[in-house]
PDB file of N, CA and C in Angstrom:
ATOM      1  N   MET A   1      40.819  39.849  21.882  1.00  0.00           N
ATOM      2  CA  MET A   1      39.694  39.619  20.996  1.00  0.00           C
ATOM      3  C   MET A   1      40.211  39.190  19.628  1.00  0.00           C
ATOM      4  N   THR A   2      39.439  38.378  18.966  1.00  0.00           N
ATOM      5  CA  THR A   2      39.848  37.926  17.645  1.00  0.00           C
ATOM      6  C   THR A   2      39.317  38.874  16.584  1.00  0.00           C
ATOM      7  N   ASP A   3      39.927  38.780  15.419  1.00  0.00           N
ATOM      8  CA  ASP A   3      39.457  39.582  14.290  1.00  0.00           C
ATOM      9  C   ASP A   3      38.442  38.761  13.507  1.00  0.00           C
ATOM     10  N   PHE A   4      37.200  39.044  13.719  1.00  0.00           N
ATOM     11  CA  PHE A   4      36.111  38.341  13.050  1.00  0.00           C
ATOM     12  C   PHE A   4      35.836  39.017  11.719  1.00  0.00           C
ATOM     13  N   ASP A   5      35.486  38.233  10.699  1.00  0.00           N
ATOM     14  CA  ASP A   5      35.235  38.751   9.357  1.00  0.00           C
ATOM     15  C   ASP A   5      33.763  39.164   9.216  1.00  0.00           C
ATOM     16  N   PHE A   6      33.475  40.397   9.587  1.00  0.00           N
ATOM     17  CA  PHE A   6      32.097  40.888   9.532  1.00  0.00           C
ATOM     18  C   PHE A   6      31.601  41.056   8.101  1.00  0.00           C
ATOM     19  N   SER A   7      32.502  41.296   7.146  1.00  0.00           N
ATOM     20  CA  SER A   7      32.061  41.404   5.752  1.00  0.00           C
ATOM     21  C   SER A   7      31.547  40.052   5.260  1.00  0.00           C
ATOM     22  N   TYR A   8      32.158  38.970   5.710  1.00  0.00           N
ATOM     23  CA  TYR A   8      31.662  37.648   5.338  1.00  0.00           C
ATOM     24  C   TYR A   8      30.314  37.380   6.004  1.00  0.00           C
ATOM     25  N   LEU A   9      30.172  37.781   7.256  1.00  0.00           N
ATOM     26  CA  LEU A   9      28.884  37.623   7.930  1.00  0.00           C
ATOM     27  C   LEU A   9      27.795  38.375   7.170  1.00  0.00           C
ATOM     28  N   LYS A  10      28.111  39.572   6.680  1.00  0.00           N
ATOM     29  CA  LYS A  10      27.142  40.333   5.881  1.00  0.00           C
ATOM     30  C   LYS A  10      26.731  39.550   4.638  1.00  0.00           C
ATOM     31  N   THR A  11      27.710  38.939   3.973  1.00  0.00           N
ATOM     32  CA  THR A  11      27.430  38.145   2.776  1.00  0.00           C
ATOM     33  C   THR A  11      26.492  36.993   3.100  1.00  0.00           C
ATOM     34  N   VAL A  12      26.795  36.284   4.169  1.00  0.00           N
ATOM     35  CA  VAL A  12      25.984  35.131   4.563  1.00  0.00           C
ATOM     36  C   VAL A  12      24.571  35.572   4.941  1.00  0.00           C
ATOM     37  N   LEU A  13      24.452  36.655   5.681  1.00  0.00           N
ATOM     38  CA  LEU A  13      23.126  37.139   6.082  1.00  0.00           C
ATOM     39  C   LEU A  13      22.329  37.679   4.899  1.00  0.00           C
ATOM     40  N   LEU A  14      23.009  38.261   3.932  1.00  0.00           N
ATOM     41  CA  LEU A  14      22.322  38.809   2.762  1.00  0.00           C
ATOM     42  C   LEU A  14      21.588  37.725   1.985  1.00  0.00           C
ATOM     43  N   GLY A  15      22.193  36.563   1.861  1.00  0.00           N
ATOM     44  CA  GLY A  15      21.577  35.479   1.101  1.00  0.00           C
ATOM     45  C   GLY A  15      20.842  34.471   1.953  1.00  0.00           C
ATOM     46  N   LEU A  16      20.565  34.814   3.196  1.00  0.00           N
ATOM     47  CA  LEU A  16      19.944  33.878   4.130  1.00  0.00           C
ATOM     48  C   LEU A  16      18.636  33.328   3.562  1.00  0.00           C
ATOM     49  N   PRO A  17      18.505  31.992   3.502  1.00  0.00           N
ATOM     50  CA  PRO A  17      17.248  31.406   3.021  1.00  0.00           C
ATOM     51  C   PRO A  17      16.068  31.833   3.892  1.00  0.00           C
ATOM     52  N   ASP A  18      14.874  31.748   3.336  1.00  0.00           N
ATOM     53  CA  ASP A  18      13.667  32.213   4.021  1.00  0.00           C
ATOM     54  C   ASP A  18      13.286  31.411   5.257  1.00  0.00           C
ATOM     55  N   SER A  19      13.604  30.121   5.295  1.00  0.00           N
ATOM     56  CA  SER A  19      13.147  29.304   6.419  1.00  0.00           C
ATOM     57  C   SER A  19      14.144  29.334   7.571  1.00  0.00           C
ATOM     58  N   PRO A  20      13.691  29.793   8.751  1.00  0.00           N
ATOM     59  CA  PRO A  20      14.584  29.839   9.909  1.00  0.00           C
ATOM     60  C   PRO A  20      14.758  28.465  10.537  1.00  0.00           C
ATOM     61  N   ILE A  21      15.781  28.329  11.349  1.00  0.00           N
ATOM     62  CA  ILE A  21      15.930  27.120  12.148  1.00  0.00           C
ATOM     63  C   ILE A  21      14.812  27.129  13.175  1.00  0.00           C
ATOM     64  N   ALA A  22      14.166  26.013  13.343  1.00  0.00           N
ATOM     65  CA  ALA A  22      13.012  25.942  14.240  1.00  0.00           C
ATOM     66  C   ALA A  22      13.437  25.661  15.676  1.00  0.00           C
ATOM     67  N   THR A  23      14.149  26.589  16.284  1.00  0.00           N
ATOM     68  CA  THR A  23      14.490  26.479  17.699  1.00  0.00           C
ATOM     69  C   THR A  23      14.163  27.811  18.344  1.00  0.00           C
ATOM     70  N   GLY A  24      13.867  27.776  19.591  1.00  0.00           N
ATOM     71  CA  GLY A  24      13.543  29.021  20.281  1.00  0.00           C
ATOM     72  C   GLY A  24      12.257  29.621  19.737  1.00  0.00           C
ATOM     73  N   SER A  25      12.055  30.866  20.022  1.00  0.00           N
ATOM     74  CA  SER A  25      10.868  31.550  19.519  1.00  0.00           C
ATOM     75  C   SER A  25      11.222  32.290  18.236  1.00  0.00           C
ATOM     76  N   VAL A  26      10.249  32.480  17.387  1.00  0.00           N
ATOM     77  CA  VAL A  26      10.483  33.156  16.116  1.00  0.00           C
ATOM     78  C   VAL A  26      10.774  34.627  16.372  1.00  0.00           C
ATOM     79  N   SER A  27      11.809  35.126  15.725  1.00  0.00           N
ATOM     80  CA  SER A  27      12.210  36.512  15.920  1.00  0.00           C
ATOM     81  C   SER A  27      12.388  37.173  14.567  1.00  0.00           C
ATOM     82  N   SER A  28      11.863  38.353  14.413  1.00  0.00           N
ATOM     83  CA  SER A  28      12.083  39.137  13.206  1.00  0.00           C
ATOM     84  C   SER A  28      12.374  40.555  13.659  1.00  0.00           C
ATOM     85  N   TYR A  29      13.496  41.091  13.202  1.00  0.00           N
ATOM     86  CA  TYR A  29      13.912  42.392  13.698  1.00  0.00           C
ATOM     87  C   TYR A  29      14.712  43.098  12.622  1.00  0.00           C
ATOM     88  N   ASP A  30      14.468  44.369  12.428  1.00  0.00           N
ATOM     89  CA  ASP A  30      15.218  45.168  11.464  1.00  0.00           C
ATOM     90  C   ASP A  30      16.342  45.874  12.215  1.00  0.00           C
ATOM     91  N   PHE A  31      17.547  45.347  12.099  1.00  0.00           N
ATOM     92  CA  PHE A  31      18.683  45.873  12.849  1.00  0.00           C
ATOM     93  C   PHE A  31      19.192  47.212  12.327  1.00  0.00           C
ATOM     94  N   ARG A  32      18.648  47.700  11.219  1.00  0.00           N
ATOM     95  CA  ARG A  32      19.032  49.031  10.737  1.00  0.00           C
ATOM     96  C   ARG A  32      18.588  50.110  11.708  1.00  0.00           C
ATOM     97  N   HIS A  33      17.602  49.801  12.512  1.00  0.00           N
ATOM     98  CA  HIS A  33      17.025  50.794  13.416  1.00  0.00           C
ATOM     99  C   HIS A  33      17.344  50.504  14.883  1.00  0.00           C
ATOM    100  N   TYR A  34      18.351  49.679  15.121  1.00  0.00           N
ATOM    101  CA  TYR A  34      18.671  49.283  16.496  1.00  0.00           C
ATOM    102  C   TYR A  34      19.196  50.460  17.319  1.00  0.00           C
ATOM    103  N   VAL A  35      18.656  50.577  18.510  1.00  0.00           N
ATOM    104  CA  VAL A  35      19.120  51.524  19.522  1.00  0.00           C
ATOM    105  C   VAL A  35      19.102  50.758  20.844  1.00  0.00           C
ATOM    106  N   PRO A  36      20.181  50.796  21.624  1.00  0.00           N
ATOM    107  CA  PRO A  36      20.164  50.108  22.915  1.00  0.00           C
ATOM    108  C   PRO A  36      18.958  50.554  23.751  1.00  0.00           C
ATOM    109  N   SER A  37      18.265  49.592  24.330  1.00  0.00           N
ATOM    110  CA  SER A  37      17.032  49.900  25.063  1.00  0.00           C
ATOM    111  C   SER A  37      17.304  50.502  26.436  1.00  0.00           C
ATOM    112  N   SER A  38      16.394  51.342  26.869  1.00  0.00           N
ATOM    113  CA  SER A  38      16.514  51.922  28.210  1.00  0.00           C
ATOM    114  C   SER A  38      16.305  50.841  29.268  1.00  0.00           C
ATOM    115  N   ASP A  39      15.451  49.858  28.974  1.00  0.00           N
ATOM    116  CA  ASP A  39      15.233  48.737  29.887  1.00  0.00           C
ATOM    117  C   ASP A  39      16.538  47.971  30.098  1.00  0.00           C
ATOM    118  N   GLY A  40      17.239  47.694  29.005  1.00  0.00           N
ATOM    119  CA  GLY A  40      18.517  46.990  29.100  1.00  0.00           C
ATOM    120  C   GLY A  40      19.555  47.800  29.843  1.00  0.00           C
ATOM    121  N   LEU A  41      19.560  49.095  29.599  1.00  0.00           N
ATOM    122  CA  LEU A  41      20.515  49.970  30.280  1.00  0.00           C
ATOM    123  C   LEU A  41      20.231  50.018  31.784  1.00  0.00           C
ATOM    124  N   ASP A  42      18.955  50.029  32.146  1.00  0.00           N
ATOM    125  CA  ASP A  42      18.593  50.000  33.565  1.00  0.00           C
ATOM    126  C   ASP A  42      19.067  48.707  34.230  1.00  0.00           C
ATOM    127  N   LYS A  43      18.968  47.594  33.500  1.00  0.00           N
ATOM    128  CA  LYS A  43      19.340  46.293  34.070  1.00  0.00           C
ATOM    129  C   LYS A  43      20.843  46.071  34.097  1.00  0.00           C
ATOM    130  N   THR A  44      21.555  46.553  33.074  1.00  0.00           N
ATOM    131  CA  THR A  44      22.982  46.241  32.959  1.00  0.00           C
ATOM    132  C   THR A  44      23.898  47.396  33.334  1.00  0.00           C
ATOM    133  N   GLU A  45      23.387  48.608  33.261  1.00  0.00           N
ATOM    134  CA  GLU A  45      24.132  49.824  33.582  1.00  0.00           C
ATOM    135  C   GLU A  45      25.358  50.055  32.697  1.00  0.00           C
ATOM    136  N   SER A  46      25.357  49.473  31.499  1.00  0.00           N
ATOM    137  CA  SER A  46      26.429  49.738  30.534  1.00  0.00           C
ATOM    138  C   SER A  46      25.879  49.559  29.125  1.00  0.00           C
ATOM    139  N   THR A  47      26.438  50.288  28.193  1.00  0.00           N
ATOM    140  CA  THR A  47      25.967  50.189  26.810  1.00  0.00           C
ATOM    141  C   THR A  47      26.240  48.811  26.241  1.00  0.00           C
ATOM    142  N   ASN A  48      27.457  48.299  26.429  1.00  0.00           N
ATOM    143  CA  ASN A  48      27.786  46.990  25.880  1.00  0.00           C
ATOM    144  C   ASN A  48      26.957  45.884  26.524  1.00  0.00           C
ATOM    145  N   GLY A  49      26.694  45.989  27.822  1.00  0.00           N
ATOM    146  CA  GLY A  49      25.820  45.028  28.483  1.00  0.00           C
ATOM    147  C   GLY A  49      24.407  45.107  27.942  1.00  0.00           C
ATOM    148  N   THR A  50      23.973  46.308  27.622  1.00  0.00           N
ATOM    149  CA  THR A  50      22.643  46.508  27.046  1.00  0.00           C
ATOM    150  C   THR A  50      22.540  45.874  25.668  1.00  0.00           C
ATOM    151  N   VAL A  51      23.581  46.031  24.846  1.00  0.00           N
ATOM    152  CA  VAL A  51      23.580  45.408  23.518  1.00  0.00           C
ATOM    153  C   VAL A  51      23.461  43.895  23.668  1.00  0.00           C
ATOM    154  N   ASN A  52      24.244  43.309  24.553  1.00  0.00           N
ATOM    155  CA  ASN A  52      24.177  41.872  24.790  1.00  0.00           C
ATOM    156  C   ASN A  52      22.783  41.475  25.278  1.00  0.00           C
ATOM    157  N   TYR A  53      22.246  42.213  26.222  1.00  0.00           N
ATOM    158  CA  TYR A  53      20.910  41.963  26.763  1.00  0.00           C
ATOM    159  C   TYR A  53      19.861  42.017  25.647  1.00  0.00           C
ATOM    160  N   ASN A  54      19.925  43.058  24.815  1.00  0.00           N
ATOM    161  CA  ASN A  54      18.962  43.205  23.717  1.00  0.00           C
ATOM    162  C   ASN A  54      19.076  42.076  22.708  1.00  0.00           C
ATOM    163  N   LEU A  55      20.309  41.691  22.363  1.00  0.00           N
ATOM    164  CA  LEU A  55      20.493  40.602  21.401  1.00  0.00           C
ATOM    165  C   LEU A  55      19.932  39.291  21.946  1.00  0.00           C
ATOM    166  N   GLU A  56      20.097  39.053  23.238  1.00  0.00           N
ATOM    167  CA  GLU A  56      19.506  37.856  23.840  1.00  0.00           C
ATOM    168  C   GLU A  56      17.983  37.902  23.754  1.00  0.00           C
ATOM    169  N   LYS A  57      17.392  39.071  23.954  1.00  0.00           N
ATOM    170  CA  LYS A  57      15.933  39.213  23.862  1.00  0.00           C
ATOM    171  C   LYS A  57      15.440  39.036  22.421  1.00  0.00           C
ATOM    172  N   ILE A  58      16.224  39.524  21.451  1.00  0.00           N
ATOM    173  CA  ILE A  58      15.816  39.483  20.047  1.00  0.00           C
ATOM    174  C   ILE A  58      16.124  38.135  19.404  1.00  0.00           C
ATOM    175  N   LEU A  59      17.331  37.613  19.629  1.00  0.00           N
ATOM    176  CA  LEU A  59      17.797  36.409  18.934  1.00  0.00           C
ATOM    177  C   LEU A  59      17.765  35.149  19.790  1.00  0.00           C
ATOM    178  N   GLY A  60      17.633  35.301  21.077  1.00  0.00           N
ATOM    179  CA  GLY A  60      17.664  34.152  21.977  1.00  0.00           C
ATOM    180  C   GLY A  60      19.055  33.936  22.543  1.00  0.00           C
ATOM    181  N   TYR A  61      19.220  32.798  23.189  1.00  0.00           N
ATOM    182  CA  TYR A  61      20.491  32.449  23.816  1.00  0.00           C
ATOM    183  C   TYR A  61      21.187  31.391  22.977  1.00  0.00           C
ATOM    184  N   GLU A  62      22.500  31.500  22.855  1.00  0.00           N
ATOM    185  CA  GLU A  62      23.250  30.541  22.040  1.00  0.00           C
ATOM    186  C   GLU A  62      23.021  29.111  22.518  1.00  0.00           C
ATOM    187  N   ARG A  63      22.972  28.901  23.807  1.00  0.00           N
ATOM    188  CA  ARG A  63      22.813  27.535  24.321  1.00  0.00           C
ATOM    189  C   ARG A  63      21.469  26.928  23.913  1.00  0.00           C
ATOM    190  N   ASP A  64      20.462  27.764  23.688  1.00  0.00           N
ATOM    191  CA  ASP A  64      19.141  27.290  23.279  1.00  0.00           C
ATOM    192  C   ASP A  64      18.968  27.297  21.765  1.00  0.00           C
ATOM    193  N   GLY A  65      19.904  27.897  21.066  1.00  0.00           N
ATOM    194  CA  GLY A  65      19.809  28.053  19.619  1.00  0.00           C
ATOM    195  C   GLY A  65      19.304  29.436  19.270  1.00  0.00           C
ATOM    196  N   LEU A  66      20.125  30.187  18.575  1.00  0.00           N
ATOM    197  CA  LEU A  66      19.711  31.523  18.139  1.00  0.00           C
ATOM    198  C   LEU A  66      18.653  31.403  17.064  1.00  0.00           C
ATOM    199  N   VAL A  67      17.818  32.413  16.932  1.00  0.00           N
ATOM    200  CA  VAL A  67      16.776  32.437  15.912  1.00  0.00           C
ATOM    201  C   VAL A  67      17.045  33.607  14.974  1.00  0.00           C
ATOM    202  N   LEU A  68      17.288  33.288  13.712  1.00  0.00           N
ATOM    203  CA  LEU A  68      17.434  34.309  12.675  1.00  0.00           C
ATOM    204  C   LEU A  68      16.264  34.128  11.733  1.00  0.00           C
ATOM    205  N   ASN A  69      15.326  35.030  11.787  1.00  0.00           N
ATOM    206  CA  ASN A  69      14.138  34.941  10.948  1.00  0.00           C
ATOM    207  C   ASN A  69      14.088  36.179  10.076  1.00  0.00           C
ATOM    208  N   GLY A  70      14.205  35.971   8.795  1.00  0.00           N
ATOM    209  CA  GLY A  70      14.191  37.081   7.864  1.00  0.00           C
ATOM    210  C   GLY A  70      15.519  37.196   7.148  1.00  0.00           C
ATOM    211  N   ASN A  71      15.523  38.025   6.131  1.00  0.00           N
ATOM    212  CA  ASN A  71      16.752  38.281   5.390  1.00  0.00           C
ATOM    213  C   ASN A  71      16.651  39.676   4.800  1.00  0.00           C
ATOM    214  N   GLY A  72      17.651  40.057   4.049  1.00  0.00           N
ATOM    215  CA  GLY A  72      17.645  41.381   3.451  1.00  0.00           C
ATOM    216  C   GLY A  72      18.370  42.398   4.308  1.00  0.00           C
ATOM    217  N   PRO A  73      18.206  43.675   3.981  1.00  0.00           N
ATOM    218  CA  PRO A  73      18.969  44.744   4.633  1.00  0.00           C
ATOM    219  C   PRO A  73      18.818  44.806   6.151  1.00  0.00           C
ATOM    220  N   GLY A  74      17.637  44.533   6.668  1.00  0.00           N
ATOM    221  CA  GLY A  74      17.432  44.585   8.110  1.00  0.00           C
ATOM    222  C   GLY A  74      18.230  43.538   8.857  1.00  0.00           C
ATOM    223  N   MET A  75      18.377  42.357   8.264  1.00  0.00           N
ATOM    224  CA  MET A  75      19.171  41.299   8.885  1.00  0.00           C
ATOM    225  C   MET A  75      20.658  41.526   8.639  1.00  0.00           C
ATOM    226  N   VAL A  76      21.014  41.994   7.447  1.00  0.00           N
ATOM    227  CA  VAL A  76      22.417  42.274   7.128  1.00  0.00           C
ATOM    228  C   VAL A  76      22.976  43.326   8.084  1.00  0.00           C
ATOM    229  N   ALA A  77      22.148  44.259   8.501  1.00  0.00           N
ATOM    230  CA  ALA A  77      22.580  45.313   9.426  1.00  0.00           C
ATOM    231  C   ALA A  77      23.044  44.753  10.765  1.00  0.00           C
ATOM    232  N   LEU A  78      22.663  43.521  11.088  1.00  0.00           N
ATOM    233  CA  LEU A  78      23.144  42.883  12.313  1.00  0.00           C
ATOM    234  C   LEU A  78      24.667  42.774  12.294  1.00  0.00           C
ATOM    235  N   ALA A  79      25.242  42.473  11.137  1.00  0.00           N
ATOM    236  CA  ALA A  79      26.707  42.388  11.033  1.00  0.00           C
ATOM    237  C   ALA A  79      27.347  43.739  11.316  1.00  0.00           C
ATOM    238  N   ASP A  80      26.756  44.800  10.788  1.00  0.00           N
ATOM    239  CA  ASP A  80      27.291  46.146  11.043  1.00  0.00           C
ATOM    240  C   ASP A  80      27.152  46.525  12.517  1.00  0.00           C
ATOM    241  N   LEU A  81      26.023  46.184  13.111  1.00  0.00           N
ATOM    242  CA  LEU A  81      25.800  46.461  14.527  1.00  0.00           C
ATOM    243  C   LEU A  81      26.856  45.752  15.375  1.00  0.00           C
ATOM    244  N   LEU A  82      27.065  44.461  15.115  1.00  0.00           N
ATOM    245  CA  LEU A  82      28.055  43.703  15.879  1.00  0.00           C
ATOM    246  C   LEU A  82      29.458  44.254  15.671  1.00  0.00           C
ATOM    247  N   ASN A  83      29.776  44.586  14.445  1.00  0.00           N
ATOM    248  CA  ASN A  83      31.095  45.154  14.147  1.00  0.00           C
ATOM    249  C   ASN A  83      31.286  46.462  14.904  1.00  0.00           C
ATOM    250  N   SER A  84      30.287  47.303  14.872  1.00  0.00           N
ATOM    251  CA  SER A  84      30.370  48.597  15.537  1.00  0.00           C
ATOM    252  C   SER A  84      30.589  48.457  17.037  1.00  0.00           C
ATOM    253  N   TYR A  85      29.783  47.636  17.688  1.00  0.00           N
ATOM    254  CA  TYR A  85      29.879  47.533  19.141  1.00  0.00           C
ATOM    255  C   TYR A  85      31.091  46.733  19.603  1.00  0.00           C
ATOM    256  N   THR A  86      31.518  45.721  18.860  1.00  0.00           N
ATOM    257  CA  THR A  86      32.715  44.986  19.283  1.00  0.00           C
ATOM    258  C   THR A  86      33.965  45.810  19.045  1.00  0.00           C
ATOM    259  N   THR A  87      33.947  46.689  18.063  1.00  0.00           N
ATOM    260  CA  THR A  87      35.080  47.584  17.823  1.00  0.00           C
ATOM    261  C   THR A  87      35.097  48.698  18.859  1.00  0.00           C
ATOM    262  N   GLN A  88      33.933  49.204  19.194  1.00  0.00           N
ATOM    263  CA  GLN A  88      33.816  50.310  20.142  1.00  0.00           C
ATOM    264  C   GLN A  88      34.253  49.899  21.552  1.00  0.00           C
ATOM    265  N   PHE A  89      33.989  48.648  21.925  1.00  0.00           N
ATOM    266  CA  PHE A  89      34.267  48.200  23.297  1.00  0.00           C
ATOM    267  C   PHE A  89      35.341  47.123  23.318  1.00  0.00           C
ATOM    268  N   ARG A  90      36.522  47.449  22.840  1.00  0.00           N
ATOM    269  CA  ARG A  90      37.622  46.478  22.812  1.00  0.00           C
ATOM    270  C   ARG A  90      38.422  46.519  24.116  1.00  0.00           C
ATOM    271  N   ILE A  91      37.781  46.111  25.190  1.00  0.00           N
ATOM    272  CA  ILE A  91      38.488  45.965  26.454  1.00  0.00           C
ATOM    273  C   ILE A  91      38.144  44.589  27.020  1.00  0.00           C
ATOM    274  N   PRO A  92      39.012  43.988  27.824  1.00  0.00           N
ATOM    275  CA  PRO A  92      38.818  42.601  28.256  1.00  0.00           C
ATOM    276  C   PRO A  92      37.461  42.285  28.872  1.00  0.00           C
ATOM    277  N   ASN A  93      36.893  43.180  29.645  1.00  0.00           N
ATOM    278  CA  ASN A  93      35.616  42.892  30.295  1.00  0.00           C
ATOM    279  C   ASN A  93      34.437  42.837  29.327  1.00  0.00           C
ATOM    280  N   ASP A  94      34.640  43.223  28.082  1.00  0.00           N
ATOM    281  CA  ASP A  94      33.559  43.259  27.108  1.00  0.00           C
ATOM    282  C   ASP A  94      33.694  42.184  26.037  1.00  0.00           C
ATOM    283  N   ALA A  95      34.471  41.166  26.315  1.00  0.00           N
ATOM    284  CA  ALA A  95      34.709  40.104  25.342  1.00  0.00           C
ATOM    285  C   ALA A  95      33.436  39.342  24.987  1.00  0.00           C
ATOM    286  N   VAL A  96      32.402  39.418  25.809  1.00  0.00           N
ATOM    287  CA  VAL A  96      31.170  38.688  25.528  1.00  0.00           C
ATOM    288  C   VAL A  96      30.544  39.135  24.208  1.00  0.00           C
ATOM    289  N   LEU A  97      30.652  40.405  23.856  1.00  0.00           N
ATOM    290  CA  LEU A  97      30.096  40.869  22.578  1.00  0.00           C
ATOM    291  C   LEU A  97      30.799  40.220  21.392  1.00  0.00           C
ATOM    292  N   ALA A  98      32.076  39.889  21.561  1.00  0.00           N
ATOM    293  CA  ALA A  98      32.831  39.257  20.478  1.00  0.00           C
ATOM    294  C   ALA A  98      32.305  37.862  20.156  1.00  0.00           C
ATOM    295  N   LEU A  99      31.561  37.260  21.048  1.00  0.00           N
ATOM    296  CA  LEU A  99      31.019  35.920  20.821  1.00  0.00           C
ATOM    297  C   LEU A  99      29.817  35.925  19.886  1.00  0.00           C
ATOM    298  N   TRP A 100      29.169  37.073  19.741  1.00  0.00           N
ATOM    299  CA  TRP A 100      27.957  37.134  18.927  1.00  0.00           C
ATOM    300  C   TRP A 100      28.216  36.898  17.444  1.00  0.00           C
ATOM    301  N   GLY A 101      29.278  37.476  16.893  1.00  0.00           N
ATOM    302  CA  GLY A 101      29.565  37.298  15.465  1.00  0.00           C
ATOM    303  C   GLY A 101      29.676  35.835  15.078  1.00  0.00           C
ATOM    304  N   PRO A 102      30.572  35.066  15.718  1.00  0.00           N
ATOM    305  CA  PRO A 102      30.679  33.645  15.395  1.00  0.00           C
ATOM    306  C   PRO A 102      29.390  32.863  15.654  1.00  0.00           C
ATOM    307  N   ALA A 103      28.641  33.221  16.700  1.00  0.00           N
ATOM    308  CA  ALA A 103      27.392  32.517  16.994  1.00  0.00           C
ATOM    309  C   ALA A 103      26.343  32.778  15.916  1.00  0.00           C
ATOM    310  N   VAL A 104      26.235  34.020  15.474  1.00  0.00           N
ATOM    311  CA  VAL A 104      25.282  34.359  14.409  1.00  0.00           C
ATOM    312  C   VAL A 104      25.702  33.684  13.105  1.00  0.00           C
ATOM    313  N   LEU A 105      26.996  33.686  12.807  1.00  0.00           N
ATOM    314  CA  LEU A 105      27.488  33.037  11.588  1.00  0.00           C
ATOM    315  C   LEU A 105      27.179  31.546  11.611  1.00  0.00           C
ATOM    316  N   ALA A 106      27.444  30.874  12.721  1.00  0.00           N
ATOM    317  CA  ALA A 106      27.168  29.439  12.825  1.00  0.00           C
ATOM    318  C   ALA A 106      25.681  29.150  12.642  1.00  0.00           C
ATOM    319  N   THR A 107      24.829  29.985  13.213  1.00  0.00           N
ATOM    320  CA  THR A 107      23.384  29.811  13.063  1.00  0.00           C
ATOM    321  C   THR A 107      22.969  30.011  11.612  1.00  0.00           C
ATOM    322  N   ALA A 108      23.504  31.049  10.975  1.00  0.00           N
ATOM    323  CA  ALA A 108      23.180  31.309   9.566  1.00  0.00           C
ATOM    324  C   ALA A 108      23.643  30.152   8.683  1.00  0.00           C
ATOM    325  N   GLN A 109      24.837  29.633   8.936  1.00  0.00           N
ATOM    326  CA  GLN A 109      25.340  28.508   8.149  1.00  0.00           C
ATOM    327  C   GLN A 109      24.454  27.282   8.334  1.00  0.00           C
ATOM    328  N   ALA A 110      23.959  27.064   9.543  1.00  0.00           N
ATOM    329  CA  ALA A 110      23.058  25.942   9.794  1.00  0.00           C
ATOM    330  C   ALA A 110      21.734  26.115   9.053  1.00  0.00           C
ATOM    331  N   ILE A 111      21.275  27.346   8.910  1.00  0.00           N
ATOM    332  CA  ILE A 111      20.048  27.608   8.155  1.00  0.00           C
ATOM    333  C   ILE A 111      20.253  27.244   6.690  1.00  0.00           C
ATOM    334  N   TYR A 112      21.387  27.632   6.130  1.00  0.00           N
ATOM    335  CA  TYR A 112      21.701  27.248   4.753  1.00  0.00           C
ATOM    336  C   TYR A 112      21.693  25.730   4.615  1.00  0.00           C
ATOM    337  N   THR A 113      22.357  25.052   5.538  1.00  0.00           N
ATOM    338  CA  THR A 113      22.447  23.595   5.484  1.00  0.00           C
ATOM    339  C   THR A 113      21.071  22.961   5.555  1.00  0.00           C
ATOM    340  N   SER A 114      20.230  23.426   6.475  1.00  0.00           N
ATOM    341  CA  SER A 114      18.891  22.842   6.608  1.00  0.00           C
ATOM    342  C   SER A 114      18.019  23.130   5.391  1.00  0.00           C
ATOM    343  N   ALA A 115      18.325  24.216   4.674  1.00  0.00           N
ATOM    344  CA  ALA A 115      17.578  24.555   3.458  1.00  0.00           C
ATOM    345  C   ALA A 115      18.176  23.880   2.224  1.00  0.00           C
ATOM    346  N   GLY A 116      19.299  23.167   2.405  1.00  0.00           N
ATOM    347  CA  GLY A 116      19.942  22.488   1.284  1.00  0.00           C
ATOM    348  C   GLY A 116      20.605  23.438   0.305  1.00  0.00           C
ATOM    349  N   LYS A 117      21.039  24.596   0.789  1.00  0.00           N
ATOM    350  CA  LYS A 117      21.667  25.595  -0.077  1.00  0.00           C
ATOM    351  C   LYS A 117      23.117  25.798   0.334  1.00  0.00           C
ATOM    352  N   PRO A 118      23.993  26.055  -0.645  1.00  0.00           N
ATOM    353  CA  PRO A 118      25.394  26.314  -0.302  1.00  0.00           C
ATOM    354  C   PRO A 118      25.554  27.699   0.323  1.00  0.00           C
ATOM    355  N   VAL A 119      26.493  27.799   1.240  1.00  0.00           N
ATOM    356  CA  VAL A 119      26.807  29.082   1.867  1.00  0.00           C
ATOM    357  C   VAL A 119      27.739  29.833   0.939  1.00  0.00           C
ATOM    358  N   SER A 120      27.430  31.076   0.672  1.00  0.00           N
ATOM    359  CA  SER A 120      28.252  31.889  -0.219  1.00  0.00           C
ATOM    360  C   SER A 120      29.638  32.089   0.365  1.00  0.00           C
ATOM    361  N   THR A 121      30.637  32.093  -0.510  1.00  0.00           N
ATOM    362  CA  THR A 121      32.011  32.364  -0.080  1.00  0.00           C
ATOM    363  C   THR A 121      32.491  33.707  -0.606  1.00  0.00           C
ATOM    364  N   ILE A 122      31.630  34.414  -1.318  1.00  0.00           N
ATOM    365  CA  ILE A 122      31.988  35.729  -1.859  1.00  0.00           C
ATOM    366  C   ILE A 122      31.674  36.779  -0.803  1.00  0.00           C
ATOM    367  N   ARG A 123      32.656  37.589  -0.491  1.00  0.00           N
ATOM    368  CA  ARG A 123      32.470  38.604   0.546  1.00  0.00           C
ATOM    369  C   ARG A 123      32.030  39.934  -0.052  1.00  0.00           C
ATOM    370  N   ILE A 124      31.127  40.608   0.668  1.00  0.00           N
ATOM    371  CA  ILE A 124      30.717  41.952   0.265  1.00  0.00           C
ATOM    372  C   ILE A 124      31.344  42.940   1.226  1.00  0.00           C
ATOM    373  N   GLY A 125      31.425  44.200   0.851  1.00  0.00           N
ATOM    374  CA  GLY A 125      32.084  45.218   1.678  1.00  0.00           C
ATOM    375  C   GLY A 125      31.282  45.783   2.748  1.00  0.00           C
TER     376      GLY A 125
END
């Protein structure tokens, strides 16, 4: 697994412009209150699989374009959630969770670009 810079992702998500990329369905979710769903656990039978399943339900699929709608603490918490679960499950079979950080960052950067705003390079802790 690679070492992804989650503090930079937090910075980018904190300043996320208000207008989302218009792909997929609109999603708004406060990740400060995230708990893996029992539905996801029933379908995947693993916590890490459930996190991936839930993120697909909330944000969409990367191939279709992720949807990041909203900003502020609830969206910034997505970086902490990803950091927590990718650190917790550092075994080869769970590498799929490691793909979420870069995918969310790329989507956030595209939102900045479409809004005509520069992406912050200052990292927060």
